[in-house]
Amino acid sequence: MTRRMPSCRPISLGVALAATAVFVLPSLSSAQSRPKPKTPANAARTLPQQAATPGATNAADPYGMNTDGADNDPNAVTSPLFTTDASRPAQGLRTRPTANAAGNAEDTLATGTNPRARRLSGREDEQADVDFNRMNLRENSLDALTPRLNPNRNDAPGIRLGTMVLRPSVTQSVAAERQKSGSNTQNRNYLQTELKGTLASDWSRHALTVTGDGIYQRNISGDGEEKPSVNIDADLRLDLAERTTGHIRGGYGFYREDTDDPNAISGATTQAGVHTLKGGLELQREFGVIRGTTGLDLEKRIYTDATLADGSKVSLEDRDRLSGTLRGRIGYELSPAIIPFLEAAVGRARYDLRTDSLGYARSFWTYAMKGGVELDMGEKLRGELSAGYERADFDDERLQALSGLTLDGTLAWSPQRGTDVTFGLATTIEPSTTAGASGYVAYTANAGISHEVRDNVVARLTGSTVFRDYPNGSVQDETVYTAGPGFTWGLNRYLDLKGDLGYELTSRKVSDDTRTLRASIGLTLKR
């Protein structure tokens, strides 16, 4: 008969219980004898806007269902899902040590606190309350993402003047210019001072924007002509009703005619200066998906005398004129981003003198019609393009009417953040001072691209062309090409280093071409 061996299970169980009694019980007794460590001040964290005193409303427990006294325990951690003592980790949650001895790091895993929720509950809520009553809301990006800007990059904040913000800048540069026409060459070195500024309102309703820039040149060597200029524009937008908006515009401009201008005085050492005064009214109204716009634009041009080589003056008061244009536009909103439209305009230009020095009555009527589309796809693509027809009829029957196809528009495209591309088209009718010539139609196209090479370095490239089409064969057509690169290096928030290089070519079929090369470098101080 086979004899069964005794089972080893009771022996193994006894050995395990003995080992536990030897190693575990002494540890428990020593742990109970040690004092309980103090909890750091920042170990207990509460949710945003949580009450810290008894009886206050608890954001995590608004109905007072938490009765375990957590609100009264300074070492307790309150969570929407549980309440536990801060001296021991909550069940099912991982903990990690603080980043330093002072315990400044936030342990979001242990506390259940959402850092983004805490950020959104502060300044953003206050800003949302302010925006709730604004009609001119701040514009967000197309994808509604927060832009990732370099925290070390600080742009000039501007100067606050009550409810207005002024952002001025002054640029002082040294430049060189070389102009060649046939066998005649002119060189000059000059200092250029440029002032720019933008004044914008910060109102809850209506908006006022004023922009201005001025250029002053002073030759330090050479015999070239100085070319000062000034341009100031103001636009007051009135929010008359929910779907009705009005605009009041005004402006002033000054420039000196270029020696290559078709109306320039031949042989003059100083060409005529042109003062321009502008004003306008505009009313916009939305009728569901139909949008209507009507406007009146006024412009006054005043020409100064030109100076000849012998010091004598040539009066050009026979070119002074006042012009007005009444226009209307109707558009259909296919979507908020695409609005096709039709526009018609009629205008009158009246000269101060009935006839010029040659006996021609150059006052004229203008008629125009065009169709196009408005685009507004946020920061990615916006602007408008149009094509149409325009005609100018002169009071003097000896002057041929000017007419032609018109192409107008501006587009701003941003293929990626930090890169901006602009494109523009314009068609204008310019009267002439030549005997028997009514004027010309100028077609202008320009393009530019700018790219942020670094956070504080912007590189740009621009180009344009102007084609002057004369209907009368007695005056030859001509084309002007310009192109040039440039850069802006932000040394700090108040100082920029700028450099530009430009080339201009005036091409003519019969007479000599004119070539101009310019280069400049300077510093911009901004506030």
Protein backbone atom coordinates (compact mmCIF):
# COMPACT_ATOMS: atom_id res chain seq x y z
CA MET A 1 0.00 0.00 0.00
CA THR A 2 1.42 3.36 -1.12
CA ARG A 3 2.10 5.84 1.70
CA ARG A 4 0.99 9.51 1.09
CA MET A 5 3.49 12.30 1.86
CA PRO A 6 2.30 15.14 4.16
CA SER A 7 1.21 18.35 2.37
CA CYS A 8 3.66 21.37 2.38
CA ARG A 9 0.93 24.04 2.09
CA PRO A 10 0.49 24.61 5.86
CA ILE A 11 4.27 24.95 6.24
CA SER A 12 4.51 27.55 3.42
CA LEU A 13 1.61 29.57 4.83
CA GLY A 14 3.22 29.62 8.25
CA VAL A 15 6.56 30.80 6.87
CA ALA A 16 4.85 33.69 5.01
CA LEU A 17 2.93 34.83 8.10
CA ALA A 18 6.10 34.73 10.17
CA ALA A 19 8.05 36.81 7.64
CA THR A 20 5.27 39.39 7.53
CA ALA A 21 5.25 39.69 11.30
CA VAL A 22 9.04 40.14 11.39
CA PHE A 23 9.43 42.77 8.66
CA VAL A 24 6.12 44.67 8.42
CA LEU A 25 5.03 45.12 12.02
CA PRO A 26 8.24 46.92 13.11
CA SER A 27 7.87 49.30 10.15
CA LEU A 28 4.27 50.13 11.09
CA SER A 29 5.17 50.80 14.65
CA SER A 30 8.03 53.11 13.71
CA ALA A 31 5.80 54.99 11.23
CA GLN A 32 3.19 55.59 13.92
CA SER A 33 5.83 56.89 16.27
CA ARG A 34 7.15 59.52 13.80
CA PRO A 35 5.31 62.91 13.70
CA LYS A 36 3.16 63.66 10.70
CA PRO A 37 5.01 65.94 8.19
CA LYS A 38 3.60 69.37 7.55
CA THR A 39 2.01 69.95 4.19
CA PRO A 40 3.59 72.73 2.06
CA ALA A 41 1.51 75.85 1.60
CA ASN A 42 1.07 75.28 -2.08
CA ALA A 43 0.29 71.57 -1.85
CA ALA A 44 -3.42 72.20 -1.49
CA ARG A 45 -4.90 73.78 -4.59
CA THR A 46 -8.50 74.57 -5.37
CA LEU A 47 -10.38 75.12 -8.54
CA PRO A 48 -10.67 78.68 -10.00
CA GLN A 49 -13.04 80.99 -8.11
CA GLN A 50 -13.51 78.33 -5.32
CA ALA A 51 -14.56 79.65 -1.92
CA ALA A 52 -11.78 79.57 0.69
CA THR A 53 -13.92 80.43 3.73
CA PRO A 54 -16.76 78.54 5.39
CA GLY A 55 -20.15 79.37 4.10
CA ALA A 56 -18.91 80.72 0.76
CA THR A 57 -20.18 79.32 -2.50
CA ASN A 58 -18.03 76.51 -3.84
CA ALA A 59 -17.59 76.47 -7.64
CA ALA A 60 -17.08 72.71 -7.57
CA ASP A 61 -20.11 72.14 -5.34
CA PRO A 62 -22.62 74.93 -6.05
CA TYR A 63 -25.53 73.10 -4.38
CA GLY A 64 -23.75 72.38 -1.09
CA MET A 65 -23.85 68.60 -1.43
CA ASN A 66 -20.27 68.17 -0.16
CA THR A 67 -20.66 67.75 3.62
CA ASP A 68 -17.33 66.18 4.57
CA GLY A 69 -15.89 69.46 5.81
CA ALA A 70 -13.45 69.91 2.94
CA ASP A 71 -14.25 73.59 2.70
CA ASN A 72 -13.05 74.09 6.27
CA ASP A 73 -9.87 72.04 5.97
CA PRO A 74 -6.95 74.13 4.68
CA ASN A 75 -5.09 70.95 3.73
CA ALA A 76 -7.92 69.54 1.65
CA VAL A 77 -8.04 69.39 -2.12
CA THR A 78 -11.44 69.89 -3.75
CA SER A 79 -12.26 68.38 -7.12
CA PRO A 80 -15.49 68.14 -9.06
CA LEU A 81 -15.29 64.34 -8.68
CA PHE A 82 -13.85 63.71 -5.25
CA THR A 83 -12.49 65.21 -2.06
CA THR A 84 -9.40 63.73 -0.40
CA ASP A 85 -6.86 64.65 2.22
CA ALA A 86 -3.82 66.43 0.83
CA SER A 87 -1.40 64.40 2.94
CA ARG A 88 -1.94 61.26 0.84
CA PRO A 89 -2.43 60.82 -2.94
CA ALA A 90 -5.91 60.27 -4.23
CA GLN A 91 -6.74 56.78 -5.36
CA GLY A 92 -6.24 56.25 -9.05
CA LEU A 93 -4.23 59.48 -9.56
CA ARG A 94 -0.52 59.81 -10.21
CA THR A 95 1.60 62.37 -8.40
CA ARG A 96 5.00 63.82 -9.09
CA PRO A 97 7.34 65.83 -6.88
CA THR A 98 7.44 69.60 -7.12
CA ALA A 99 10.02 71.24 -9.39
CA ASN A 100 11.91 72.84 -6.50
CA ALA A 101 12.02 72.96 -2.73
CA ALA A 102 9.65 75.91 -2.61
CA GLY A 103 7.05 73.90 -4.44
CA ASN A 104 6.28 76.39 -7.21
CA ALA A 105 5.34 73.79 -9.82
CA GLU A 106 1.65 73.08 -10.28
CA ASP A 107 0.62 69.45 -10.02
CA THR A 108 -2.39 69.40 -12.30
CA LEU A 109 -2.68 65.61 -12.17
CA ALA A 110 -3.13 65.58 -8.41
CA THR A 111 -5.49 68.52 -8.21
CA GLY A 112 -7.55 68.06 -11.34
CA THR A 113 -7.11 71.79 -12.16
CA ASN A 114 -7.24 72.72 -15.85
CA PRO A 115 -4.64 75.48 -16.52
CA ARG A 116 -6.39 76.61 -19.71
CA ALA A 117 -9.73 76.89 -17.88
CA ARG A 118 -8.02 79.07 -15.31
CA ARG A 119 -6.63 81.38 -17.99
CA LEU A 120 -9.92 81.70 -19.80
CA SER A 121 -11.77 82.61 -16.61
CA GLY A 122 -9.82 85.86 -16.06
CA ARG A 123 -8.96 88.62 -18.49
CA GLU A 124 -10.68 86.90 -21.41
CA ASP A 125 -14.05 86.99 -19.65
CA GLU A 126 -13.65 90.70 -18.94
CA GLN A 127 -12.76 91.32 -22.59
CA ALA A 128 -15.78 89.29 -23.70
CA ASP A 129 -18.02 91.51 -21.59
CA VAL A 130 -16.55 94.60 -23.24
CA ASP A 131 -16.90 93.16 -26.75
CA PHE A 132 -20.55 92.30 -26.08
CA ASN A 133 -21.48 95.99 -26.37
CA ARG A 134 -19.18 96.82 -29.30
CA MET A 135 -20.34 97.16 -32.89
CA ASN A 136 -16.82 97.27 -34.33
CA LEU A 137 -15.53 93.97 -32.97
CA ARG A 138 -11.91 93.00 -33.10
CA GLU A 139 -11.01 90.87 -36.09
CA ASN A 140 -9.89 87.31 -35.45
CA SER A 141 -7.78 85.10 -37.66
CA LEU A 142 -9.46 82.96 -40.31
CA ASP A 143 -8.83 79.69 -38.44
CA ALA A 144 -9.70 81.27 -35.04
CA LEU A 145 -6.33 80.21 -33.63
CA THR A 146 -4.36 82.28 -31.16
CA PRO A 147 -1.28 83.66 -32.95
CA ARG A 148 2.01 82.29 -31.67
CA LEU A 149 4.13 85.40 -31.24
CA ASN A 150 7.61 85.62 -29.86
CA PRO A 151 7.21 86.69 -26.21
CA ASN A 152 10.39 88.76 -26.52
CA ARG A 153 8.96 90.75 -29.43
CA ASN A 154 7.45 94.05 -28.31
CA ASP A 155 6.04 96.41 -30.94
CA ALA A 156 5.75 100.11 -30.26
CA PRO A 157 2.61 100.58 -28.13
CA GLY A 158 1.77 104.06 -29.41
CA ILE A 159 0.67 107.10 -27.46
CA ARG A 160 -2.83 107.14 -25.96
CA LEU A 161 -4.63 110.46 -26.28
CA GLY A 162 -7.89 109.96 -24.44
CA THR A 163 -9.89 107.51 -26.55
CA MET A 164 -7.41 107.80 -29.46
CA VAL A 165 -4.10 106.02 -30.06
CA LEU A 166 -1.32 107.78 -31.98
CA ARG A 167 1.49 105.75 -33.55
CA PRO A 168 4.11 108.11 -34.99
CA SER A 169 7.46 107.35 -36.62
CA VAL A 170 10.31 109.35 -38.13
CA THR A 171 12.89 108.00 -40.57
CA GLN A 172 16.19 109.71 -41.29
CA SER A 173 18.11 108.26 -44.22
CA VAL A 174 20.92 109.07 -46.61
CA ALA A 175 20.35 108.30 -50.29
CA ALA A 176 22.01 108.45 -53.67
CA GLU A 177 20.37 108.83 -57.08
CA ARG A 178 21.67 108.53 -60.62
CA GLN A 179 19.50 109.49 -63.60
CA LYS A 180 20.46 109.06 -67.24
CA SER A 181 18.50 110.20 -70.32
CA GLY A 182 20.35 109.79 -73.60
CA SER A 183 23.77 111.40 -73.12
CA ASN A 184 22.65 113.51 -70.15
CA THR A 185 23.49 112.16 -66.70
CA GLN A 186 22.62 113.60 -63.30
CA ASN A 187 23.93 112.43 -59.94
CA ARG A 188 22.93 113.59 -56.49
CA ASN A 189 23.35 112.59 -52.86
CA TYR A 190 20.72 113.78 -50.43
CA LEU A 191 19.31 113.48 -46.95
CA GLN A 192 15.68 112.41 -46.62
CA THR A 193 13.43 112.84 -43.61
CA GLU A 194 10.15 110.94 -43.60
CA LEU A 195 7.38 111.38 -41.05
CA LYS A 196 4.55 108.86 -40.69
CA GLY A 197 1.70 108.56 -38.28
CA THR A 198 -1.60 106.81 -37.63
CA LEU A 199 -4.31 108.11 -35.31
CA ALA A 200 -7.07 105.58 -34.60
CA SER A 201 -10.03 105.69 -32.26
CA ASP A 202 -10.97 103.06 -29.68
CA TRP A 203 -14.70 103.68 -29.41
CA SER A 204 -17.50 101.23 -28.75
CA ARG A 205 -19.39 102.81 -31.67
CA HIS A 206 -18.22 104.71 -34.76
CA ALA A 207 -14.55 104.86 -35.75
CA LEU A 208 -12.08 107.53 -36.83
CA THR A 209 -8.83 106.79 -38.66
CA VAL A 210 -6.29 109.40 -39.71
CA THR A 211 -3.13 108.49 -41.63
CA GLY A 212 -0.37 110.76 -42.79
CA ASP A 213 3.13 110.76 -44.22
CA GLY A 214 5.52 113.43 -45.42
CA ILE A 215 8.92 113.42 -47.15
CA TYR A 216 11.48 116.21 -47.10
CA GLN A 217 14.67 116.01 -49.18
CA ARG A 218 17.82 118.13 -49.04
CA ASN A 219 20.67 117.72 -51.53
CA ILE A 220 24.16 117.51 -50.06
CA SER A 221 25.86 117.11 -53.45
CA GLY A 222 24.91 116.94 -57.13
CA ASP A 223 22.38 118.84 -59.22
CA GLY A 224 19.26 116.66 -59.13
CA GLU A 225 15.81 118.00 -58.24
CA GLU A 226 14.45 117.65 -54.71
CA LYS A 227 11.06 115.90 -54.49
CA PRO A 228 9.09 116.65 -51.32
CA SER A 229 5.64 115.16 -50.74
CA VAL A 230 2.82 115.20 -48.16
CA ASN A 231 -0.28 113.02 -47.86
CA ILE A 232 -2.95 113.10 -45.13
CA ASP A 233 -6.23 111.13 -45.17
CA ALA A 234 -9.04 110.92 -42.63
CA ASP A 235 -12.06 108.60 -42.53
CA LEU A 236 -14.90 108.93 -40.01
CA ARG A 237 -17.22 105.92 -39.98
CA LEU A 238 -20.67 106.48 -38.53
CA ASP A 239 -22.75 103.50 -37.39
CA LEU A 240 -26.12 105.09 -38.11
CA ALA A 241 -28.25 101.97 -37.71
CA GLU A 242 -27.93 98.21 -37.55
CA ARG A 243 -27.51 97.87 -41.32
CA THR A 244 -26.65 101.47 -42.28
CA THR A 245 -23.16 102.94 -42.25
CA GLY A 246 -21.93 106.36 -43.29
CA HIS A 247 -18.44 107.65 -44.10
CA ILE A 248 -17.08 111.19 -44.08
CA ARG A 249 -13.68 111.46 -45.74
CA GLY A 250 -11.19 114.25 -46.21
CA GLY A 251 -7.57 114.65 -47.14
CA TYR A 252 -4.71 116.79 -48.37
CA GLY A 253 -1.80 115.97 -50.61
CA PHE A 254 1.22 117.64 -52.16
CA TYR A 255 3.84 116.44 -54.61
CA ARG A 256 6.19 117.91 -57.18
CA GLU A 257 5.81 116.86 -60.79
CA ASP A 258 8.58 114.68 -62.12
CA THR A 259 10.71 115.80 -65.03
CA ASP A 260 9.45 112.69 -66.91
CA ASP A 261 5.81 113.71 -66.45
CA PRO A 262 4.10 114.33 -69.81
CA ASN A 263 2.88 117.74 -68.57
CA ALA A 264 6.23 118.82 -67.10
CA ILE A 265 7.79 122.11 -68.28
CA SER A 266 10.77 121.44 -70.52
CA GLY A 267 13.99 123.07 -69.28
CA ALA A 268 12.64 123.95 -65.83
CA THR A 269 14.99 123.58 -62.87
CA THR A 270 12.05 123.24 -60.48
CA GLN A 271 8.83 121.68 -61.68
CA ALA A 272 5.40 122.76 -60.50
CA GLY A 273 4.07 121.61 -57.17
CA VAL A 274 0.56 120.14 -56.98
CA HIS A 275 -1.73 120.75 -53.99
CA THR A 276 -4.70 118.39 -53.73
CA LEU A 277 -7.70 118.84 -51.43
CA LYS A 278 -10.12 115.92 -51.15
CA GLY A 279 -13.48 115.33 -49.51
CA GLY A 280 -16.30 112.83 -49.77
CA LEU A 281 -19.51 111.42 -48.35
CA GLU A 282 -20.65 107.81 -48.58
CA LEU A 283 -23.73 105.91 -47.39
CA GLN A 284 -23.96 102.11 -47.24
CA ARG A 285 -27.13 100.12 -46.61
CA GLU A 286 -27.87 96.38 -46.45
CA PHE A 287 -31.27 95.11 -47.67
CA GLY A 288 -31.01 91.45 -46.81
CA VAL A 289 -28.61 89.98 -49.37
CA ILE A 290 -28.67 93.22 -51.39
CA ARG A 291 -26.10 95.89 -50.58
CA GLY A 292 -26.36 99.44 -51.83
CA THR A 293 -23.74 102.21 -51.75
CA THR A 294 -23.90 105.80 -52.93
CA GLY A 295 -21.21 108.44 -52.63
CA LEU A 296 -20.05 111.90 -53.65
CA ASP A 297 -16.33 112.70 -54.08
CA LEU A 298 -14.82 116.17 -54.51
CA GLU A 299 -11.25 117.11 -55.44
CA LYS A 300 -9.50 120.43 -55.91
CA ARG A 301 -6.09 120.71 -57.60
CA ILE A 302 -3.90 123.80 -57.40
CA TYR A 303 -0.64 124.09 -59.36
CA THR A 304 2.28 126.28 -58.26
CA ASP A 305 4.65 128.09 -60.62
CA ALA A 306 7.55 126.33 -62.31
CA THR A 307 11.06 127.85 -62.20
CA LEU A 308 13.23 128.09 -65.32
CA ALA A 309 17.02 128.01 -65.51
CA ASP A 310 17.23 131.83 -65.68
CA GLY A 311 15.16 132.19 -62.51
CA SER A 312 11.94 133.29 -64.22
CA LYS A 313 8.58 131.81 -63.25
CA VAL A 314 5.97 130.09 -65.41
CA SER A 315 2.40 130.34 -64.11
CA LEU A 316 0.30 127.20 -64.35
CA GLU A 317 -2.93 128.57 -62.94
CA ASP A 318 -4.74 127.56 -66.11
CA ARG A 319 -4.45 123.94 -64.88
CA ASP A 320 -6.27 124.56 -61.58
CA ARG A 321 -9.56 122.68 -61.49
CA LEU A 322 -12.36 121.36 -59.30
CA SER A 323 -13.86 117.94 -60.00
CA GLY A 324 -16.78 116.04 -58.51
CA THR A 325 -18.04 112.50 -59.01
CA LEU A 326 -21.39 110.97 -58.04
CA ARG A 327 -21.35 107.18 -57.90
CA GLY A 328 -23.65 104.34 -56.98
CA ARG A 329 -23.08 100.63 -56.41
CA ILE A 330 -25.37 97.66 -55.92
CA GLY A 331 -24.13 94.25 -54.82
CA TYR A 332 -25.57 90.80 -54.20
CA GLU A 333 -24.23 88.71 -51.33
CA LEU A 334 -23.64 85.20 -52.60
CA SER A 335 -21.88 84.59 -49.30
CA PRO A 336 -20.26 86.83 -46.70
CA ALA A 337 -16.97 86.28 -48.54
CA ILE A 338 -18.12 86.84 -52.17
CA ILE A 339 -20.22 89.82 -53.29
CA PRO A 340 -20.51 90.61 -57.01
CA PHE A 341 -21.47 94.21 -57.81
CA LEU A 342 -22.28 96.76 -60.51
CA GLU A 343 -21.21 100.40 -60.24
CA ALA A 344 -21.96 103.51 -62.29
CA ALA A 345 -20.53 107.03 -61.95
CA VAL A 346 -20.84 110.44 -63.55
CA GLY A 347 -18.45 113.33 -62.96
CA ARG A 348 -17.64 116.89 -63.93
CA ALA A 349 -14.24 118.62 -63.98
CA ARG A 350 -14.32 122.40 -64.26
CA TYR A 351 -11.19 124.53 -64.70
CA ASP A 352 -10.84 127.84 -62.88
CA LEU A 353 -10.06 129.54 -66.21
CA ARG A 354 -12.46 128.91 -69.04
CA THR A 355 -9.58 128.43 -71.50
CA ASP A 356 -5.91 127.63 -71.01
CA SER A 357 -2.92 129.62 -72.27
CA LEU A 358 -3.36 128.04 -75.73
CA GLY A 359 -7.07 128.87 -76.00
CA TYR A 360 -8.52 125.38 -75.37
CA ALA A 361 -11.56 124.86 -73.12
CA ARG A 362 -10.46 121.74 -71.23
CA SER A 363 -13.37 121.27 -68.82
CA PHE A 364 -14.93 117.84 -69.34
CA TRP A 365 -17.63 115.34 -68.30
CA THR A 366 -16.86 111.75 -67.35
CA TYR A 367 -19.08 108.66 -67.52
CA ALA A 368 -18.09 105.28 -66.15
CA MET A 369 -19.57 101.85 -65.53
CA LYS A 370 -17.95 98.71 -64.21
CA GLY A 371 -18.70 95.31 -62.71
CA GLY A 372 -16.67 93.22 -60.35
CA VAL A 373 -16.56 91.19 -57.18
CA GLU A 374 -15.67 91.89 -53.56
CA LEU A 375 -13.72 89.22 -51.69
CA ASP A 376 -13.40 88.96 -47.91
CA MET A 377 -11.87 85.67 -46.77
CA GLY A 378 -10.28 87.08 -43.66
CA GLU A 379 -6.54 87.50 -43.47
CA LYS A 380 -6.00 84.96 -46.27
CA LEU A 381 -7.52 86.90 -49.17
CA ARG A 382 -9.43 90.15 -49.38
CA GLY A 383 -10.02 93.01 -51.80
CA GLU A 384 -11.95 93.58 -55.01
CA LEU A 385 -11.48 93.39 -58.78
CA SER A 386 -13.52 95.09 -61.47
CA ALA A 387 -13.58 95.78 -65.20
CA GLY A 388 -15.57 98.39 -67.06
CA TYR A 389 -15.59 101.33 -69.46
CA GLU A 390 -14.97 105.08 -68.98
CA ARG A 391 -15.32 108.06 -71.28
CA ALA A 392 -14.41 111.76 -70.99
CA ASP A 393 -16.02 114.40 -73.27
CA PHE A 394 -14.36 117.84 -73.42
CA ASP A 395 -16.14 121.16 -73.82
CA ASP A 396 -13.84 122.11 -76.71
CA GLU A 397 -14.88 120.27 -79.85
CA ARG A 398 -11.29 120.34 -81.12
CA LEU A 399 -10.23 117.96 -78.38
CA GLN A 400 -10.85 114.28 -79.00
CA ALA A 401 -12.80 112.36 -76.36
CA LEU A 402 -10.85 109.99 -74.13
CA SER A 403 -12.28 106.52 -73.60
CA GLY A 404 -11.14 103.01 -72.90
CA LEU A 405 -11.45 99.80 -70.95
CA THR A 406 -10.87 100.19 -67.22
CA LEU A 407 -9.29 97.66 -64.86
CA ASP A 408 -9.33 98.47 -61.15
CA GLY A 409 -8.89 96.64 -57.89
CA THR A 410 -6.68 95.68 -54.98
CA LEU A 411 -5.98 92.25 -53.54
CA ALA A 412 -4.16 91.26 -50.35
CA TRP A 413 -3.16 87.60 -50.06
CA SER A 414 -1.35 85.85 -47.23
CA PRO A 415 -0.27 82.36 -48.35
CA GLN A 416 1.24 81.69 -44.91
CA ARG A 417 1.83 83.49 -41.66
CA GLY A 418 4.57 86.08 -42.06
CA THR A 419 4.19 86.36 -45.85
CA ASP A 420 1.97 89.00 -47.48
CA VAL A 421 1.37 89.54 -51.19
CA THR A 422 -0.39 92.63 -52.57
CA PHE A 423 -1.61 93.32 -56.08
CA GLY A 424 -3.26 96.43 -57.51
CA LEU A 425 -4.78 97.71 -60.75
CA ALA A 426 -5.89 101.26 -61.55
CA THR A 427 -7.13 103.14 -64.62
CA THR A 428 -7.24 106.95 -64.70
CA ILE A 429 -7.92 109.62 -67.31
CA GLU A 430 -5.39 112.47 -67.22
CA PRO A 431 -5.91 115.68 -69.24
CA SER A 432 -3.02 117.15 -71.20
CA THR A 433 -1.54 120.64 -71.67
CA THR A 434 -0.16 119.97 -75.14
CA ALA A 435 -1.80 121.87 -78.00
CA GLY A 436 -4.32 119.67 -79.81
CA ALA A 437 -3.94 116.79 -77.33
CA SER A 438 -6.81 115.97 -75.01
CA GLY A 439 -4.80 113.75 -72.65
CA TYR A 440 -4.11 110.08 -72.07
CA VAL A 441 -5.44 106.98 -70.31
CA ALA A 442 -3.02 105.62 -67.70
CA TYR A 443 -3.08 101.90 -66.84
CA THR A 444 -1.21 101.07 -63.63
CA ALA A 445 -0.35 97.66 -62.21
CA ASN A 446 1.69 97.08 -59.06
CA ALA A 447 2.65 94.12 -56.92
CA GLY A 448 4.59 93.59 -53.74
CA ILE A 449 5.64 90.77 -51.45
CA SER A 450 6.94 90.95 -47.90
CA HIS A 451 8.24 88.07 -45.81
CA GLU A 452 9.29 87.82 -42.17
CA VAL A 453 12.72 86.23 -42.39
CA ARG A 454 12.92 86.41 -38.60
CA ASP A 455 10.73 87.86 -35.89
CA ASN A 456 12.49 91.21 -36.28
CA VAL A 457 13.58 91.11 -39.95
CA VAL A 458 11.20 91.72 -42.88
CA ALA A 459 12.34 91.47 -46.50
CA ARG A 460 10.25 92.96 -49.33
CA LEU A 461 10.19 93.19 -53.09
CA THR A 462 8.01 95.62 -55.06
CA GLY A 463 7.36 96.35 -58.71
CA SER A 464 4.98 98.39 -60.85
CA THR A 465 4.32 99.46 -64.41
CA VAL A 466 2.41 102.41 -65.88
CA PHE A 467 1.29 102.51 -69.51
CA ARG A 468 0.21 105.92 -70.88
CA ASP A 469 -2.04 105.52 -73.88
CA TYR A 470 -2.53 108.64 -76.03
CA PRO A 471 -5.44 108.48 -78.49
CA ASN A 472 -3.87 111.21 -80.64
CA GLY A 473 -0.93 110.07 -82.72
CA SER A 474 0.84 113.43 -82.28
CA VAL A 475 1.99 112.31 -78.79
CA GLN A 476 3.85 109.03 -78.38
CA ASP A 477 2.87 106.38 -75.90
CA GLU A 478 5.25 105.57 -73.07
CA THR A 479 5.68 102.96 -70.37
CA VAL A 480 7.27 103.34 -66.93
CA TYR A 481 8.71 100.32 -65.07
CA THR A 482 9.86 100.35 -61.43
CA ALA A 483 11.25 97.57 -59.24
CA GLY A 484 13.32 97.22 -56.13
CA PRO A 485 14.08 95.18 -52.98
CA GLY A 486 14.21 96.39 -49.40
CA PHE A 487 14.41 95.26 -45.80
CA THR A 488 13.45 96.38 -42.29
CA TRP A 489 15.42 95.17 -39.28
CA GLY A 490 13.82 95.83 -35.89
CA LEU A 491 16.69 96.60 -33.52
CA ASN A 492 14.25 97.03 -30.64
CA ARG A 493 10.66 98.07 -30.08
CA TYR A 494 11.46 101.73 -30.83
CA LEU A 495 14.21 101.60 -33.48
CA ASP A 496 14.36 100.03 -36.98
CA LEU A 497 17.08 99.89 -39.60
CA LYS A 498 15.74 100.23 -43.16
CA GLY A 499 17.32 99.86 -46.57
CA ASP A 500 15.92 100.21 -50.10
CA LEU A 501 17.18 99.85 -53.65
CA GLY A 502 15.09 100.96 -56.64
CA TYR A 503 15.34 101.05 -60.41
CA GLU A 504 13.04 102.99 -62.76
CA LEU A 505 12.88 102.88 -66.56
CA THR A 506 10.78 105.19 -68.74
CA SER A 507 10.53 103.65 -72.20
CA ARG A 508 9.56 105.69 -75.28
CA LYS A 509 9.21 104.59 -78.88
CA VAL A 510 10.92 107.58 -80.50
CA SER A 511 12.87 109.69 -77.96
CA ASP A 512 15.54 108.51 -75.53
CA ASP A 513 14.68 106.32 -72.59
CA THR A 514 15.24 107.52 -69.02
CA ARG A 515 16.87 105.30 -66.40
CA THR A 516 17.01 106.09 -62.69
CA LEU A 517 18.80 104.17 -59.93
CA ARG A 518 18.25 104.97 -56.24
CA ALA A 519 19.67 103.53 -53.02
CA SER A 520 19.01 104.55 -49.41
CA ILE A 521 19.62 103.42 -45.86
CA GLY A 522 18.35 104.93 -42.64
CA LEU A 523 17.00 104.58 -39.13
CA THR A 524 13.34 104.71 -38.07
CA LEU A 525 12.37 105.92 -34.61
CA LYS A 526 8.83 104.92 -33.67
CA ARG A 527 6.56 105.22 -30.70
